[in-house]
Structures are given as C-alpha cells and as structure tokens.
Amino acid sequence: MVDPNTVRRIVDLADVRAGDRVIEIGAGLGSLTLGLAETGADITAIEVDPGLARTLKELTAGLRTVTVVEGDAMTLDWVALVGGGPRIIVANLPYNIATPLVCDLLDTVPGIERMLVLVQDEAADRFVAGPGSKVYGAVSVKVAHHAVATKVGRVPATVFMPKPNVESALVDIRRRVHPESIGIDAAVMNNVVRTAFGQRRKMLRRSLDGLVSAQAFSTAGIDPTRRPEQLGLNDWYRLTRAVSE
C-alpha cells in the first residue's frame, strides 16, 4: 500500500485508541503499521515473508509499542497470540486466505472482539450478504452467527504497488452474542448450512434429504420447498435445533 491517504483512512476506520491491543496481519513494509502505532496502541505486526519481516523489525526498532512476528497467519497459534483478549485485528489480507482466516478466527478465537479487514470486493460482499442476495451463502451465515459485518468502503487498485487486477473493500466485523444462538451446536449448523448451499438451486427438502427429516422441518417451522438463500439466521438456528433433538 503506497497511498498515505488510504493508510490514514484505514487507521481512522479501525477506531484504534492508545492502550488498545492490535494485531496487524500482512504488515509488509510497515506503512499501515506505522500509522497504527501513531495512535498509541500496542501493535503486533505479522509478516510471513522473512525479508520483509526483517526490514520491518529494523524500521520499528525504536518503537516500544510495536512487536513484529514472522509467521504465517494461517498456522500461527492464535490462542496463545491473543491471550486473554480483547484484541483488534487490522489487516490487508491476501485474497487466497481472506475467507478461511476470517471464518477460523471467528470460530476459534473469541478474544478477537473486532476486525477491520481489507479484502477482495467479492469476498467483502459475501461477508456482509443477507438473505435474498445472490452472494449470500454459508460464509455469510457463519459471519452473521458470530458478528455484525459492515462494508465500510472500497479501496482502488491504484493505491497498491504492484497494482492488483481486482478491486478491494474494507469490512468492519464486530463480534456479538446473538441471544438466539445460545445452545446451538455449531458443528451441526455448519453441516446443515454447507450442505444446503452446496446445492443452492434446489429446494431444501432435496438438498437436505437424508440430513433433515420432514418432522424436523415441521418442528422448525421451515417450509421445505424454500431454498437456502431465503433463510435468515434465526431460521437456521431453528432448523439446527430441530435436527439436534
């Protein structure tokens, strides 16, 4: 990222304050790292490339609030890294890991209370999509189960060097506890949702045949002739409970 105005915009949207504990993923040469450090927050900057990590350590050597960690965000021990929380993630995520990483962190690291992630525009749309949207799917349901996700702005390809062939967007993800989610078996719900969206053009009674019985549809109050993109989060909760009984 080579545009200082975009760096300032991201720092502002991250709403970081002095004393906050921030984890930056994909720190690169530190343009965003330095911007975040100016807020007075404690920054842990993660960079997978050894050369970039070494340069970043040299660049931030005089900043006591910045710690550089050389490692792959997909394989780090996140529970140990986050500790007791709360932590804030600010990240310019590589397109190939954005979706699995965000979903894994939401699933397994409750100490992360919010994220501001820069991702491919299409991924951003999936994170924030609701029922009825063409891009609403299993990822959308998973994110909604854990958090409120809002697309807060687009970032043009021209602010990057080298210039990518895709447009990017910023998504604000804030963890919450949905009252209806209490007691939900997450593994069961994930299986039901993934199976349904695996054949999204089919009616639920067909895509979920063998997994959800007619009695379970009736108990949940879900019309089995509906399609998965028509179900909201509470619908999936009711169906999960009915399957789990």
Protein backbone atom coordinates (compact mmCIF):
# COMPACT_ATOMS: atom_id res chain seq x y z
CA MET A 1 0.00 0.00 0.00
CA VAL A 2 1.66 3.20 -1.20
CA ASP A 3 -1.00 5.86 -0.66
CA PRO A 4 -0.71 7.70 2.70
CA ASN A 5 -4.31 8.96 2.47
CA THR A 6 -5.57 5.38 2.31
CA VAL A 7 -3.43 4.45 5.32
CA ARG A 8 -4.94 7.33 7.33
CA ARG A 9 -8.42 6.31 6.23
CA ILE A 10 -7.90 2.73 7.41
CA VAL A 11 -6.48 3.87 10.75
CA ASP A 12 -9.48 6.17 11.26
CA LEU A 13 -11.96 3.40 10.38
CA ALA A 14 -10.18 0.97 12.72
CA ASP A 15 -11.12 3.30 15.60
CA VAL A 16 -7.95 2.38 17.49
CA ARG A 17 -7.04 4.17 20.69
CA ALA A 18 -4.00 4.39 22.95
CA GLY A 19 -3.75 1.22 25.01
CA ASP A 20 -5.72 -0.93 22.55
CA ARG A 21 -4.08 -4.21 21.60
CA VAL A 22 -3.99 -4.55 17.83
CA ILE A 23 -2.83 -7.41 15.62
CA GLU A 24 -1.96 -6.44 12.07
CA ILE A 25 -1.82 -9.24 9.51
CA GLY A 26 0.28 -8.84 6.38
CA ALA A 27 2.30 -5.90 7.62
CA GLY A 28 4.65 -5.80 4.63
CA LEU A 29 6.96 -2.79 4.74
CA GLY A 30 5.01 -1.18 7.55
CA SER A 31 3.07 1.71 6.05
CA LEU A 32 -0.06 0.71 7.95
CA THR A 33 1.96 -0.48 10.97
CA LEU A 34 3.43 2.97 11.45
CA GLY A 35 0.04 4.61 11.02
CA LEU A 36 -1.48 2.36 13.67
CA ALA A 37 1.47 2.95 16.00
CA GLU A 38 0.79 6.69 15.93
CA THR A 39 -2.46 6.05 17.82
CA GLY A 40 -0.54 4.82 20.86
CA ALA A 41 -1.94 1.32 20.57
CA ASP A 42 0.18 -1.78 21.16
CA ILE A 43 0.76 -3.35 17.74
CA THR A 44 1.69 -6.94 16.94
CA ALA A 45 2.60 -6.94 13.25
CA ILE A 46 2.54 -10.33 11.49
CA GLU A 47 4.51 -10.84 8.28
CA VAL A 48 5.14 -14.18 6.57
CA ASP A 49 7.98 -13.06 4.29
CA PRO A 50 11.33 -13.33 6.14
CA GLY A 51 12.93 -10.44 4.23
CA LEU A 52 10.01 -8.10 4.81
CA ALA A 53 9.79 -9.14 8.46
CA ARG A 54 13.48 -8.39 8.94
CA THR A 55 13.13 -4.98 7.29
CA LEU A 56 10.05 -4.21 9.38
CA LYS A 57 11.89 -5.09 12.59
CA GLU A 58 14.65 -2.67 11.64
CA LEU A 59 12.12 0.02 10.72
CA THR A 60 10.26 -0.24 14.03
CA ALA A 61 13.26 -0.93 16.28
CA GLY A 62 12.77 2.35 18.12
CA LEU A 63 9.06 1.84 18.74
CA ARG A 64 8.36 0.07 22.02
CA THR A 65 4.70 -0.40 21.17
CA VAL A 66 5.40 -2.47 18.02
CA THR A 67 6.26 -6.18 18.04
CA VAL A 68 7.00 -7.91 14.75
CA VAL A 69 6.12 -11.60 14.43
CA GLU A 70 7.44 -13.56 11.46
CA GLY A 71 4.90 -16.23 10.65
CA ASP A 72 2.02 -17.48 8.54
CA ALA A 73 -1.33 -16.22 9.82
CA MET A 74 -2.94 -19.49 8.74
CA THR A 75 -0.73 -21.62 11.00
CA LEU A 76 0.03 -19.36 13.98
CA ASP A 77 -1.09 -20.32 17.48
CA TRP A 78 -3.77 -17.65 17.65
CA VAL A 79 -5.00 -18.58 21.11
CA ALA A 80 -1.50 -18.00 22.50
CA LEU A 81 -1.03 -14.85 20.44
CA VAL A 82 -4.28 -13.26 21.55
CA GLY A 83 -4.06 -14.38 25.17
CA GLY A 84 -6.94 -13.18 27.26
CA GLY A 85 -8.02 -10.56 24.77
CA PRO A 86 -9.65 -8.40 23.79
CA ARG A 87 -7.76 -7.82 20.58
CA ILE A 88 -8.48 -5.89 17.41
CA ILE A 89 -7.47 -7.24 14.02
CA VAL A 90 -6.49 -4.78 11.30
CA ALA A 91 -5.40 -6.50 8.12
CA ASN A 92 -4.74 -6.19 4.43
CA LEU A 93 -5.46 -9.84 3.74
CA PRO A 94 -4.12 -11.80 0.79
CA TYR A 95 -7.06 -12.82 -1.37
CA ASN A 96 -6.36 -16.55 -1.12
CA ILE A 97 -6.60 -16.68 2.69
CA ALA A 98 -9.12 -13.95 3.50
CA THR A 99 -12.26 -16.04 3.79
CA PRO A 100 -10.86 -19.10 5.61
CA LEU A 101 -8.83 -16.97 8.00
CA VAL A 102 -11.70 -14.67 8.98
CA CYS A 103 -14.02 -17.64 9.46
CA ASP A 104 -11.44 -19.58 11.51
CA LEU A 105 -10.74 -16.59 13.77
CA LEU A 106 -14.45 -16.04 14.38
CA ASP A 107 -14.93 -19.74 15.13
CA THR A 108 -11.96 -20.36 17.39
CA VAL A 109 -10.55 -17.13 18.87
CA PRO A 110 -13.20 -15.37 20.98
CA GLY A 111 -10.59 -12.95 22.31
CA ILE A 112 -10.73 -11.11 18.99
CA GLU A 113 -13.56 -8.66 19.54
CA ARG A 114 -13.48 -6.89 16.19
CA MET A 115 -11.74 -6.75 12.84
CA LEU A 116 -11.21 -4.26 10.06
CA VAL A 117 -10.10 -6.25 7.03
CA LEU A 118 -9.19 -5.19 3.53
CA VAL A 119 -10.23 -7.96 1.17
CA GLN A 120 -11.24 -8.56 -2.42
CA ASP A 121 -14.52 -6.81 -3.15
CA GLU A 122 -16.27 -10.11 -3.91
CA ALA A 123 -15.21 -11.56 -0.56
CA ALA A 124 -16.47 -8.44 1.20
CA ASP A 125 -19.86 -8.87 -0.43
CA ARG A 126 -20.09 -12.46 0.82
CA PHE A 127 -19.16 -11.42 4.37
CA VAL A 128 -21.98 -8.89 4.61
CA ALA A 129 -24.66 -10.52 2.42
CA GLY A 130 -28.12 -11.21 3.79
CA PRO A 131 -30.97 -13.50 2.73
CA GLY A 132 -32.09 -12.95 -0.83
CA SER A 133 -28.72 -11.78 -2.08
CA LYS A 134 -27.13 -13.70 -4.96
CA VAL A 135 -23.88 -13.95 -2.98
CA TYR A 136 -25.50 -14.94 0.33
CA GLY A 137 -24.10 -18.31 1.32
CA ALA A 138 -22.52 -20.45 4.01
CA VAL A 139 -19.81 -17.86 4.69
CA SER A 140 -22.44 -15.15 5.15
CA VAL A 141 -24.32 -17.29 7.68
CA LYS A 142 -21.14 -18.11 9.61
CA VAL A 143 -20.12 -14.45 9.84
CA ALA A 144 -23.63 -13.40 10.89
CA HIS A 145 -23.65 -16.11 13.56
CA HIS A 146 -20.63 -14.55 15.23
CA ALA A 147 -20.67 -10.88 14.32
CA VAL A 148 -22.16 -7.84 12.65
CA ALA A 149 -20.29 -7.21 9.39
CA THR A 150 -20.47 -3.91 7.51
CA LYS A 151 -18.83 -2.91 4.27
CA VAL A 152 -17.35 0.49 5.10
CA GLY A 153 -15.62 1.47 1.88
CA ARG A 154 -13.89 0.48 -1.33
CA VAL A 155 -10.17 0.81 -1.99
CA PRO A 156 -8.99 1.21 -5.60
CA ALA A 157 -6.25 -0.94 -7.07
CA THR A 158 -4.18 2.19 -7.75
CA VAL A 159 -3.12 2.54 -4.08
CA PHE A 160 -1.13 -0.71 -4.25
CA MET A 161 2.27 -1.46 -5.71
CA PRO A 162 2.25 -3.68 -7.69
CA LYS A 163 -1.27 -2.90 -8.83
CA PRO A 164 -3.63 -5.89 -8.46
CA ASN A 165 -6.19 -6.88 -11.06
CA VAL A 166 -9.11 -6.71 -8.61
CA GLU A 167 -10.85 -4.07 -6.54
CA SER A 168 -10.74 -4.25 -2.75
CA ALA A 169 -13.10 -3.29 0.05
CA LEU A 170 -12.93 -2.67 3.78
CA VAL A 171 -15.19 -4.69 6.06
CA ASP A 172 -15.81 -3.90 9.72
CA ILE A 173 -16.60 -7.08 11.69
CA ARG A 174 -17.73 -6.74 15.29
CA ARG A 175 -18.23 -9.83 17.42
CA ARG A 176 -21.51 -10.21 19.26
CA VAL A 177 -23.52 -12.81 21.12
CA HIS A 178 -26.84 -13.40 19.38
CA PRO A 179 -29.44 -14.43 22.00
CA GLU A 180 -30.94 -17.00 19.64
CA SER A 181 -27.54 -18.69 19.25
CA ILE A 182 -27.39 -19.91 22.86
CA GLY A 183 -27.30 -23.69 22.94
CA ILE A 184 -26.75 -24.04 19.19
CA ASP A 185 -24.49 -26.93 18.14
CA ALA A 186 -22.16 -25.06 15.78
CA ALA A 187 -20.90 -28.24 14.10
CA VAL A 188 -24.45 -29.35 13.31
CA MET A 189 -25.39 -25.92 11.98
CA ASN A 190 -22.28 -25.67 9.83
CA ASN A 191 -23.02 -29.08 8.33
CA VAL A 192 -26.65 -28.22 7.59
CA VAL A 193 -25.80 -24.83 6.11
CA ARG A 194 -22.89 -26.08 3.97
CA THR A 195 -24.95 -28.99 2.68
CA ALA A 196 -27.88 -26.76 1.76
CA PHE A 197 -25.78 -24.16 -0.02
CA GLY A 198 -23.84 -26.92 -1.76
CA GLN A 199 -26.96 -27.31 -3.90
CA ARG A 200 -28.35 -23.80 -3.53
CA ARG A 201 -30.72 -24.01 -6.50
CA LYS A 202 -32.56 -26.97 -5.04
CA MET A 203 -35.39 -26.88 -2.54
CA LEU A 204 -34.31 -27.63 0.99
CA ARG A 205 -36.18 -30.93 1.08
CA ARG A 206 -33.98 -32.10 -1.80
CA SER A 207 -30.62 -30.61 -0.83
CA LEU A 208 -31.02 -31.73 2.79
CA ASP A 209 -32.57 -35.13 2.03
CA GLY A 210 -31.17 -37.66 4.50
CA LEU A 211 -29.95 -34.95 6.85
CA VAL A 212 -33.15 -33.11 7.81
CA SER A 213 -36.36 -35.08 8.21
CA ALA A 214 -39.85 -33.90 7.37
CA GLN A 215 -40.56 -33.83 11.11
CA ALA A 216 -37.54 -31.59 11.71
CA PHE A 217 -38.72 -29.13 9.05
CA SER A 218 -42.15 -29.11 10.72
CA THR A 219 -40.70 -28.64 14.21
CA ALA A 220 -38.56 -25.74 12.98
CA GLY A 221 -41.48 -24.14 11.13
CA ILE A 222 -39.46 -24.11 7.90
CA ASP A 223 -41.18 -24.71 4.56
CA PRO A 224 -39.07 -27.45 2.91
CA THR A 225 -39.87 -26.07 -0.55
CA ARG A 226 -37.83 -22.94 0.22
CA ARG A 227 -34.26 -22.51 -0.99
CA PRO A 228 -31.28 -21.82 1.28
CA GLU A 229 -30.82 -18.21 0.23
CA GLN A 230 -34.31 -17.49 1.59
CA LEU A 231 -33.45 -18.46 5.17
CA GLY A 232 -32.28 -15.92 7.70
CA LEU A 233 -30.04 -16.63 10.68
CA ASN A 234 -32.89 -17.42 13.06
CA ASP A 235 -34.31 -19.87 10.51
CA TRP A 236 -31.00 -21.74 10.50
CA TYR A 237 -31.00 -21.74 14.30
CA ARG A 238 -34.48 -23.28 14.45
CA LEU A 239 -33.57 -25.89 11.86
CA THR A 240 -30.36 -26.75 13.71
CA ARG A 241 -32.21 -27.20 16.99
CA ALA A 242 -34.79 -29.42 15.31
CA VAL A 243 -32.06 -31.60 13.78
CA SER A 244 -30.21 -31.79 17.11
CA GLU A 245 -33.21 -33.03 19.08
